[in-house]
């Protein structure tokens, strides 16, 4: 059985997201699950289609102990 490896988002990605959200007056994501998700968020910010609601922790859905990083 193949298992996908989840890589943590880089500091540079997290700083870029923080800066781009601040610059645009947008709410930052509550959590960035992976390097891949960070790239998707940055792409969405550049394209003007970022939705902070897509990146919220919902108590009913996720236990904070399940957050990989």
Protein backbone atom coordinates (compact mmCIF):
# COMPACT_ATOMS: atom_id res chain seq x y z
CA UNK A 1 0.00 0.00 0.00
CA UNK A 2 1.38 3.38 -1.04
CA UNK A 3 1.18 6.25 1.41
CA UNK A 4 1.55 9.87 0.39
CA UNK A 5 4.15 11.78 2.39
CA UNK A 6 2.91 15.09 3.70
CA UNK A 7 5.57 17.79 3.75
CA UNK A 8 5.25 20.70 6.15
CA UNK A 9 4.77 24.14 4.61
CA UNK A 10 7.99 26.10 4.45
CA UNK A 11 8.60 29.23 6.49
CA UNK A 12 8.88 31.15 3.22
CA UNK A 13 5.45 29.92 2.11
CA UNK A 14 3.86 30.84 5.45
CA UNK A 15 5.46 34.30 5.37
CA UNK A 16 4.30 34.81 1.78
CA UNK A 17 0.73 33.88 2.71
CA UNK A 18 0.83 36.18 5.74
CA UNK A 19 2.18 39.08 3.66
CA UNK A 20 -0.21 38.58 0.75
CA UNK A 21 -3.26 38.35 3.05
CA UNK A 22 -2.21 41.48 4.93
CA UNK A 23 -1.58 43.32 1.67
CA UNK A 24 -5.05 42.42 0.39
CA UNK A 25 -6.87 42.88 3.70
CA UNK A 26 -7.82 39.19 3.81
CA UNK A 27 -8.06 36.88 6.78
CA UNK A 28 -5.17 34.43 7.01
CA UNK A 29 -5.91 30.71 6.98
CA UNK A 30 -6.26 29.17 10.44
CA UNK A 31 -4.13 26.25 9.37
CA UNK A 32 -1.95 25.32 6.41
CA UNK A 33 -1.84 21.53 6.31
CA UNK A 34 1.01 20.97 3.86
CA UNK A 35 3.51 22.39 1.42
CA UNK A 36 1.11 21.56 -1.39
CA UNK A 37 -1.78 23.38 0.28
CA UNK A 38 0.45 26.41 0.88
CA UNK A 39 1.22 26.50 -2.85
CA UNK A 40 -2.49 26.26 -3.64
CA UNK A 41 -3.26 29.14 -1.26
CA UNK A 42 -0.54 31.32 -2.80
CA UNK A 43 -1.83 30.53 -6.30
CA UNK A 44 -5.39 31.40 -5.22
CA UNK A 45 -4.20 34.68 -3.68
CA UNK A 46 -2.40 35.63 -6.88
CA UNK A 47 -5.47 34.73 -8.97
CA UNK A 48 -7.81 36.64 -6.67
CA UNK A 49 -9.86 33.57 -5.77
CA UNK A 50 -8.66 32.89 -2.22
CA UNK A 51 -11.46 32.15 0.25
CA UNK A 52 -10.39 32.06 3.93
CA UNK A 53 -13.46 29.95 4.74
CA UNK A 54 -11.85 27.09 2.83
CA UNK A 55 -9.03 27.00 5.39
CA UNK A 56 -10.78 26.97 8.75
CA UNK A 57 -10.56 24.37 11.45
CA UNK A 58 -14.02 23.21 12.31
CA UNK A 59 -14.27 21.66 15.77
CA UNK A 60 -16.73 19.07 14.53
CA UNK A 61 -14.47 17.97 11.68
CA UNK A 62 -10.89 18.08 12.97
CA UNK A 63 -9.31 17.25 16.27
CA UNK A 64 -6.35 19.58 16.88
CA UNK A 65 -4.25 16.47 17.53
CA UNK A 66 -4.78 15.48 13.90
CA UNK A 67 -3.10 18.62 12.50
CA UNK A 68 0.13 17.24 11.02
CA UNK A 69 2.37 20.26 11.81
